[in-house]
Amino acid sequence: MQIQTKFQAWAFVLMIVIGSCKKDPEIAEDKQTLGPYEHGIFVINEGTFSDFRGGLDFISSDLKTIDLDIYVKTNGEEMGNVLRGAAIKDSLLYCVFNDSQKLVVSNRYTAKKIAETSVGLESPTTIVLNDKFIYVSNSEMLSPVSELAILERNSLALTRRISMPGYIPSMVMLNGILFVPNDRSSSNQISLIDSETNTVRGTSNLPKGRVVSMIGDNQNVYALTREWDENNAYIYTLDSGGKIIHQTKLSGMADAYELQVNKGKLYFTIGLDVYVVDAKAQQAPAKPLFTCSDFPKTRKYIDDLTIIDDRIFLSAYSPYEDDSQILIYDLNGKLLQSHSSGRGTVGFLKN
C-alpha cells in the first residue's frame, strides 16, 4: 500500500513536470476592425452647378484605391446638397450641408447614419468641434452679417446664436479659443470666442487685406489675407490670444489661396502652382515648389490643398462636370497617386 502511494505521488509530480514543459498555445490577436473606413482619408464632395448632391468618397491608407459615395452605399439614401464642411470627434463624423441646411452625423468607421438636425442651421458653411459643443457658421456670400450657431454635441440641441460681421470663410479652435474671421469687415477682424462660456472675449485686427484662408497647428493660427489694391497677400501668425507674432508679405501674389501648415512650413496655391515658405520667413518664395501639370487641361486652379501625413492632397474640378480629379504628391512635389472622385471635391479629412 505504501509503495503504491509513493508510485502515485511520483506519477503526479511527473505529470506536472511534463505539463510545464509544453509550450502554451498562442492566443490569436483579435484583428477585428472598427469598420471598413477605419484607416484612410475622407474625400469631401460639395457638388456641382449641374448636380448639387454632396457626398463622401474614401481613399485607402496606402493611397491605391478610392471608394466612391460611401454614405449612399451604406445607408441607401443621399446625404444632402452642397456639402461644405466636415469634422471628426471620437467615433463620429459630422457633415454640414449648405443648400439642405442640415447637419448629418454618421459613424466614422462604417459611414452608418446616426442622426441629423436642421435646428439653428441656415446656409451653414464651416464646422468646428470640441468635447461639448458643435460650432457651425451660417453664412451667405452676399450677406453683410453671419451667425455662429452653437449646438450641444450629445443632444444636437441649439444652445446659442452669436451674430458675426460678414462672411465666414473658415474657423480654427486653439487652446479653447475659437477664431472666427470674416472677409467683409473694414477692420479685417477676427473674433475670438471663449469655448468655456461661448461668448466673444475679444477681437484681433489684421493690418492688411481680408481673410481668405485660415489654418492652425498646436501652437498658432495662420491667416492668409489678400490686399487687392496692392496686388499683395499676407500671412499673419497669431498666438492663442489672438496677438500677431509674425507677418510674411507675399508681394505680387494677391491670388494666393488655400493656406496649409506642416512642420513649421506654410503651403499655399496660386492657380495650379503650389508654394512653400518657412513660417518665420519675411518674404514670399521666389518660385513654386511645383506646378500641377497632371490635372486635365480644363482645370485652371486648385480647389483644395490639404496636407496629411506629409502628403499633399490636391483637388480640382469643373463646376459643370461630374467628376473631380485628385492628385497626391510628396513634400518634394513628386506625384504619388491620382484618382477620379465625386462631384466638386473641396476637401480631405484623415480618419
Protein backbone atom coordinates (compact mmCIF):
# COMPACT_ATOMS: atom_id res chain seq x y z
CA MET A 1 0.00 0.00 0.00
CA GLN A 2 2.85 2.38 0.88
CA ILE A 3 4.66 1.51 -2.39
CA GLN A 4 1.51 2.19 -4.39
CA THR A 5 1.05 5.55 -2.69
CA LYS A 6 4.67 6.54 -3.44
CA PHE A 7 4.25 5.50 -7.06
CA GLN A 8 1.10 7.59 -7.43
CA ALA A 9 2.86 10.61 -5.90
CA TRP A 10 5.82 10.32 -8.28
CA ALA A 11 3.45 9.90 -11.22
CA PHE A 12 1.66 13.07 -10.21
CA VAL A 13 4.91 15.02 -10.00
CA LEU A 14 5.98 13.68 -13.41
CA MET A 15 2.73 14.83 -14.97
CA ILE A 16 3.28 18.33 -13.57
CA VAL A 17 6.83 18.47 -14.96
CA ILE A 18 5.78 17.22 -18.38
CA GLY A 19 2.86 19.63 -18.44
CA SER A 20 5.10 22.56 -17.55
CA CYS A 21 7.43 21.75 -20.43
CA LYS A 22 4.66 22.00 -23.02
CA LYS A 23 4.50 25.27 -24.94
CA ASP A 24 1.44 27.34 -24.14
CA PRO A 25 -0.85 27.68 -27.15
CA GLU A 26 -0.67 31.17 -28.73
CA ILE A 27 -3.78 33.27 -28.43
CA ALA A 28 -4.51 34.85 -31.78
CA GLU A 29 -4.82 38.63 -31.57
CA ASP A 30 -8.26 39.90 -32.40
CA LYS A 31 -7.79 41.62 -35.75
CA GLN A 32 -11.39 42.75 -35.99
CA THR A 33 -11.57 46.29 -37.32
CA LEU A 34 -13.96 49.01 -36.28
CA GLY A 35 -15.24 49.23 -39.84
CA PRO A 36 -14.22 49.38 -43.49
CA TYR A 37 -13.22 53.05 -43.20
CA GLU A 38 -11.04 52.78 -40.11
CA HIS A 39 -7.81 53.89 -41.81
CA GLY A 40 -7.66 56.30 -44.71
CA ILE A 41 -8.85 59.69 -45.92
CA PHE A 42 -12.36 61.02 -46.41
CA VAL A 43 -12.91 62.99 -49.62
CA ILE A 44 -15.43 65.81 -49.21
CA ASN A 45 -17.54 66.42 -52.31
CA GLU A 46 -19.56 69.63 -52.40
CA GLY A 47 -21.49 69.01 -55.61
CA THR A 48 -21.53 70.98 -58.86
CA PHE A 49 -23.76 73.51 -60.61
CA SER A 50 -25.36 70.70 -62.59
CA ASP A 51 -25.86 68.48 -59.54
CA PHE A 52 -25.83 69.91 -56.02
CA ARG A 53 -25.64 66.44 -54.48
CA GLY A 54 -22.85 66.32 -51.88
CA GLY A 55 -21.21 63.17 -50.59
CA LEU A 56 -18.17 61.31 -49.33
CA ASP A 57 -15.53 59.19 -51.00
CA PHE A 58 -12.78 57.31 -49.17
CA ILE A 59 -9.12 56.81 -50.12
CA SER A 60 -7.29 53.82 -48.61
CA SER A 61 -4.34 54.50 -46.31
CA ASP A 62 -1.92 53.17 -48.96
CA LEU A 63 -3.48 55.67 -51.42
CA LYS A 64 -4.05 52.95 -54.03
CA THR A 65 -7.84 52.73 -54.04
CA ILE A 66 -10.80 55.07 -53.74
CA ASP A 67 -14.31 54.02 -52.71
CA LEU A 68 -16.95 56.36 -54.14
CA ASP A 69 -20.16 57.55 -52.46
CA ILE A 70 -19.68 55.53 -49.29
CA TYR A 71 -22.57 57.10 -47.36
CA VAL A 72 -25.12 56.24 -50.07
CA LYS A 73 -23.77 52.69 -50.32
CA THR A 74 -24.10 52.22 -46.58
CA ASN A 75 -27.41 53.95 -45.89
CA GLY A 76 -29.29 53.75 -49.18
CA GLU A 77 -30.05 57.47 -49.15
CA GLU A 78 -28.44 60.74 -50.22
CA MET A 79 -26.60 62.82 -47.60
CA GLY A 80 -27.72 66.26 -48.77
CA ASN A 81 -26.99 69.11 -51.15
CA VAL A 82 -23.79 71.18 -51.14
CA LEU A 83 -21.54 69.59 -48.51
CA ARG A 84 -19.44 72.46 -47.18
CA GLY A 85 -17.67 71.19 -44.08
CA ALA A 86 -16.83 68.07 -42.10
CA ALA A 87 -15.20 67.30 -38.76
CA ILE A 88 -14.40 64.24 -36.64
CA LYS A 89 -14.76 63.73 -32.90
CA ASP A 90 -14.48 60.37 -31.12
CA SER A 91 -16.26 57.78 -33.31
CA LEU A 92 -18.45 60.27 -35.14
CA LEU A 93 -18.24 62.22 -38.40
CA TYR A 94 -20.16 65.50 -38.63
CA CYS A 95 -21.06 66.99 -42.05
CA VAL A 96 -22.87 70.28 -42.77
CA PHE A 97 -24.84 70.92 -45.95
CA ASN A 98 -25.30 74.48 -47.19
CA ASP A 99 -28.23 74.03 -49.56
CA SER A 100 -30.03 71.37 -47.49
CA GLN A 101 -29.37 73.45 -44.34
CA LYS A 102 -28.68 70.48 -42.11
CA LEU A 103 -26.09 68.58 -40.10
CA VAL A 104 -25.65 64.83 -40.65
CA VAL A 105 -23.88 62.68 -38.06
CA SER A 106 -22.55 59.25 -39.02
CA ASN A 107 -20.18 56.61 -37.68
CA ARG A 108 -16.69 57.48 -38.92
CA TYR A 109 -15.70 53.82 -39.32
CA THR A 110 -18.81 52.42 -41.02
CA ALA A 111 -20.46 55.55 -42.56
CA LYS A 112 -23.73 54.44 -40.96
CA LYS A 113 -26.07 57.33 -40.23
CA ILE A 114 -26.58 58.19 -36.55
CA ALA A 115 -28.64 61.39 -36.58
CA GLU A 116 -29.36 64.64 -38.37
CA THR A 117 -30.71 68.05 -37.48
CA SER A 118 -31.58 71.34 -39.16
CA VAL A 119 -32.26 73.30 -35.97
CA GLY A 120 -30.35 76.58 -35.97
CA LEU A 121 -28.76 75.95 -39.37
CA GLU A 122 -29.20 78.46 -42.18
CA SER A 123 -26.79 78.10 -45.11
CA PRO A 124 -24.04 76.50 -42.96
CA THR A 125 -20.51 76.78 -44.35
CA THR A 126 -17.95 75.53 -41.81
CA ILE A 127 -17.90 73.37 -38.70
CA VAL A 128 -15.58 73.03 -35.67
CA LEU A 129 -15.96 70.70 -32.67
CA ASN A 130 -14.78 70.41 -29.11
CA ASP A 131 -15.74 67.94 -26.38
CA LYS A 132 -19.05 69.62 -25.56
CA PHE A 133 -20.17 71.74 -28.48
CA ILE A 134 -20.58 71.94 -32.25
CA TYR A 135 -19.80 75.33 -33.82
CA VAL A 136 -21.36 75.98 -37.23
CA SER A 137 -21.07 79.19 -39.23
CA ASN A 138 -24.24 80.28 -41.02
CA SER A 139 -23.02 82.47 -43.89
CA GLU A 140 -24.11 83.73 -47.28
CA MET A 141 -21.58 85.29 -49.62
CA LEU A 142 -23.55 88.49 -50.26
CA SER A 143 -24.90 88.96 -46.75
CA PRO A 144 -23.38 91.75 -44.59
CA VAL A 145 -23.83 89.63 -41.45
CA SER A 146 -23.38 85.99 -40.48
CA GLU A 147 -24.20 83.87 -37.49
CA LEU A 148 -22.38 81.36 -35.34
CA ALA A 149 -24.71 78.57 -34.22
CA ILE A 150 -23.62 76.57 -31.17
CA LEU A 151 -25.14 73.11 -30.60
CA GLU A 152 -24.64 70.56 -27.84
CA ARG A 153 -22.69 67.59 -29.12
CA ASN A 154 -24.69 64.97 -27.23
CA SER A 155 -28.21 66.18 -27.93
CA LEU A 156 -27.68 68.35 -31.05
CA ALA A 157 -29.79 70.96 -29.30
CA LEU A 158 -29.20 74.62 -30.18
CA THR A 159 -27.73 76.44 -27.18
CA ARG A 160 -26.74 79.84 -28.55
CA ARG A 161 -26.53 82.07 -31.62
CA ILE A 162 -23.86 84.74 -31.98
CA SER A 163 -24.18 87.42 -34.67
CA MET A 164 -20.96 87.99 -36.64
CA PRO A 165 -20.00 90.64 -39.23
CA GLY A 166 -19.51 89.49 -42.82
CA TYR A 167 -18.98 86.13 -44.48
CA ILE A 168 -17.08 83.44 -42.52
CA PRO A 169 -14.67 81.51 -44.80
CA SER A 170 -13.18 79.26 -42.09
CA MET A 171 -12.81 78.74 -38.34
CA VAL A 172 -9.99 77.40 -36.11
CA MET A 173 -10.02 76.21 -32.49
CA LEU A 174 -6.80 76.74 -30.48
CA ASN A 175 -6.44 76.22 -26.72
CA GLY A 176 -10.15 76.66 -26.11
CA ILE A 177 -10.46 79.81 -28.23
CA LEU A 178 -12.44 79.73 -31.47
CA PHE A 179 -11.00 82.07 -34.13
CA VAL A 180 -13.78 83.31 -36.41
CA PRO A 181 -12.69 85.59 -39.29
CA ASN A 182 -14.80 87.40 -41.83
CA ASP A 183 -13.84 88.70 -45.23
CA ARG A 184 -16.07 91.80 -45.37
CA SER A 185 -15.15 93.74 -42.25
CA SER A 186 -13.40 97.03 -42.98
CA SER A 187 -11.17 96.34 -39.97
CA ASN A 188 -10.13 92.87 -41.20
CA GLN A 189 -11.40 91.47 -37.94
CA ILE A 190 -11.09 88.03 -36.34
CA SER A 191 -13.48 87.39 -33.44
CA LEU A 192 -12.24 85.31 -30.51
CA ILE A 193 -14.88 83.06 -28.92
CA ASP A 194 -14.24 81.57 -25.48
CA SER A 195 -15.47 77.96 -25.74
CA GLU A 196 -15.93 77.71 -21.96
CA THR A 197 -18.54 80.48 -21.86
CA ASN A 198 -19.39 80.62 -25.59
CA THR A 199 -19.07 84.39 -25.56
CA VAL A 200 -16.92 86.82 -27.54
CA ARG A 201 -13.84 87.57 -25.45
CA GLY A 202 -12.22 89.98 -27.89
CA THR A 203 -11.06 90.59 -31.44
CA SER A 204 -7.85 90.55 -33.43
CA ASN A 205 -7.46 93.14 -36.19
CA LEU A 206 -5.18 92.33 -39.10
CA PRO A 207 -3.34 95.28 -40.67
CA LYS A 208 -3.74 94.32 -44.33
CA GLY A 209 -6.28 92.53 -46.51
CA ARG A 210 -9.28 90.32 -45.87
CA VAL A 211 -9.04 86.73 -44.65
CA VAL A 212 -9.47 84.18 -47.44
CA SER A 213 -7.98 81.12 -45.70
CA MET A 214 -7.09 80.23 -42.14
CA ILE A 215 -5.43 77.19 -40.57
CA GLY A 216 -3.96 76.23 -37.21
CA ASP A 217 -1.49 73.84 -35.60
CA ASN A 218 -0.86 73.05 -31.93
CA GLN A 219 0.77 76.43 -31.27
CA ASN A 220 -0.53 79.12 -33.60
CA VAL A 221 -3.20 80.25 -36.03
CA TYR A 222 -2.19 81.35 -39.54
CA ALA A 223 -4.36 83.71 -41.56
CA LEU A 224 -3.91 84.34 -45.29
CA THR A 225 -5.23 87.73 -46.41
CA ARG A 226 -5.48 89.46 -49.79
CA GLU A 227 -4.91 93.17 -50.40
CA TRP A 228 -6.25 93.75 -53.90
CA ASP A 229 -5.29 97.42 -54.07
CA GLU A 230 -1.63 96.47 -53.60
CA ASN A 231 -1.75 93.20 -55.57
CA ASN A 232 -0.24 91.58 -52.48
CA ALA A 233 -1.15 88.91 -49.97
CA TYR A 234 -0.07 88.48 -46.36
CA ILE A 235 0.25 85.58 -43.93
CA TYR A 236 -0.23 86.53 -40.28
CA THR A 237 0.81 84.24 -37.43
CA LEU A 238 -1.29 84.66 -34.28
CA ASP A 239 -0.80 83.17 -30.84
CA SER A 240 -3.64 81.60 -28.81
CA GLY A 241 -4.62 85.03 -27.50
CA GLY A 242 -5.02 86.48 -30.98
CA LYS A 243 -1.83 88.56 -30.87
CA ILE A 244 0.04 88.90 -34.18
CA ILE A 245 3.53 87.50 -33.66
CA HIS A 246 4.74 87.32 -37.27
CA GLN A 247 3.94 88.60 -40.75
CA THR A 248 5.00 87.32 -44.16
CA LYS A 249 4.42 89.57 -47.16
CA LEU A 250 3.60 87.83 -50.45
CA SER A 251 4.43 90.58 -52.93
CA GLY A 252 2.54 90.38 -56.21
CA MET A 253 0.60 87.34 -55.00
CA ALA A 254 -2.92 88.67 -54.48
CA ASP A 255 -4.28 85.40 -55.91
CA ALA A 256 -2.76 83.32 -53.09
CA TYR A 257 -5.22 80.78 -51.71
CA GLU A 258 -5.65 77.53 -49.73
CA LEU A 259 -3.24 78.00 -46.82
CA GLN A 260 -1.89 74.92 -45.01
CA VAL A 261 0.77 74.39 -42.33
CA ASN A 262 3.04 71.39 -41.85
CA LYS A 263 6.05 71.13 -39.53
CA GLY A 264 6.90 74.82 -39.48
CA LYS A 265 6.29 75.42 -43.17
CA LEU A 266 3.36 77.15 -44.83
CA TYR A 267 1.90 75.98 -48.14
CA PHE A 268 -0.44 77.91 -50.43
CA THR A 269 -1.59 77.88 -54.04
CA ILE A 270 -1.82 80.28 -56.95
CA GLY A 271 -3.59 78.86 -59.97
CA LEU A 272 -2.05 75.41 -60.45
CA ASP A 273 1.16 76.26 -58.59
CA VAL A 274 1.95 75.08 -55.04
CA TYR A 275 4.26 77.30 -52.98
CA VAL A 276 6.01 76.65 -49.69
CA VAL A 277 7.59 79.15 -47.32
CA ASP A 278 9.06 78.92 -43.85
CA ALA A 279 6.58 80.05 -41.20
CA LYS A 280 9.11 82.63 -39.96
CA ALA A 281 10.06 83.98 -43.38
CA GLN A 282 9.62 87.68 -44.15
CA GLN A 283 9.13 87.50 -47.91
CA ALA A 284 7.45 85.29 -50.50
CA PRO A 285 9.24 82.34 -52.13
CA ALA A 286 10.87 83.15 -55.47
CA LYS A 287 9.28 80.23 -57.32
CA PRO A 288 6.69 77.50 -56.71
CA LEU A 289 7.54 74.15 -55.17
CA PHE A 290 5.86 72.53 -58.18
CA THR A 291 3.16 73.05 -60.79
CA CYS A 292 0.26 70.61 -61.13
CA SER A 293 0.62 69.82 -64.80
CA ASP A 294 -1.05 66.45 -64.20
CA PHE A 295 -4.51 67.98 -63.90
CA PRO A 296 -6.72 67.93 -67.02
CA LYS A 297 -6.33 71.00 -69.23
CA THR A 298 -9.85 72.14 -68.30
CA ARG A 299 -8.64 72.78 -64.72
CA LYS A 300 -7.21 76.27 -64.24
CA TYR A 301 -6.75 76.38 -60.47
CA ILE A 302 -6.58 74.17 -57.39
CA ASP A 303 -9.81 73.92 -55.39
CA ASP A 304 -8.31 72.42 -52.24
CA LEU A 305 -4.90 71.77 -50.73
CA THR A 306 -4.62 69.55 -47.63
CA ILE A 307 -1.51 68.01 -46.08
CA ILE A 308 -1.96 64.65 -44.34
CA ASP A 309 0.96 62.55 -43.06
CA ASP A 310 3.50 64.51 -45.14
CA ARG A 311 1.48 64.03 -48.32
CA ILE A 312 -0.03 66.88 -50.30
CA PHE A 313 -3.61 66.21 -51.42
CA LEU A 314 -4.90 68.45 -54.20
CA SER A 315 -8.27 68.60 -55.92
CA ALA A 316 -9.54 70.39 -58.99
CA TYR A 317 -12.90 70.23 -60.71
CA SER A 318 -15.09 71.95 -63.23
CA PRO A 319 -18.42 73.19 -61.83
CA TYR A 320 -20.15 71.80 -64.94
CA GLU A 321 -18.59 68.32 -65.00
CA ASP A 322 -19.40 65.23 -62.99
CA ASP A 323 -16.00 64.04 -61.84
CA SER A 324 -13.24 65.76 -59.91
CA GLN A 325 -9.54 64.99 -60.10
CA ILE A 326 -7.34 64.24 -57.09
CA LEU A 327 -3.55 64.39 -57.20
CA ILE A 328 -1.38 63.25 -54.28
CA TYR A 329 2.25 64.40 -54.00
CA ASP A 330 5.09 64.02 -51.54
CA LEU A 331 6.55 67.12 -49.92
CA ASN A 332 9.12 67.45 -52.71
CA GLY A 333 6.47 67.62 -55.42
CA LYS A 334 6.72 64.03 -56.65
CA LEU A 335 3.40 62.65 -57.86
CA LEU A 336 2.43 59.57 -55.83
CA GLN A 337 -1.11 58.82 -56.95
CA SER A 338 -4.10 60.19 -58.81
CA HIS A 339 -7.81 59.42 -58.57
CA SER A 340 -11.11 60.46 -60.07
CA SER A 341 -13.51 61.44 -57.29
CA GLY A 342 -17.09 62.64 -56.90
CA ARG A 343 -18.68 65.91 -57.90
CA GLY A 344 -16.97 69.05 -56.65
CA THR A 345 -14.20 67.76 -54.37
CA VAL A 346 -13.41 70.56 -51.90
CA GLY A 347 -11.57 68.88 -49.04
CA PHE A 348 -9.88 65.93 -47.37
CA LEU A 349 -10.11 64.64 -43.82
CA LYS A 350 -7.93 61.99 -42.19
CA ASN A 351 -9.74 59.14 -40.48
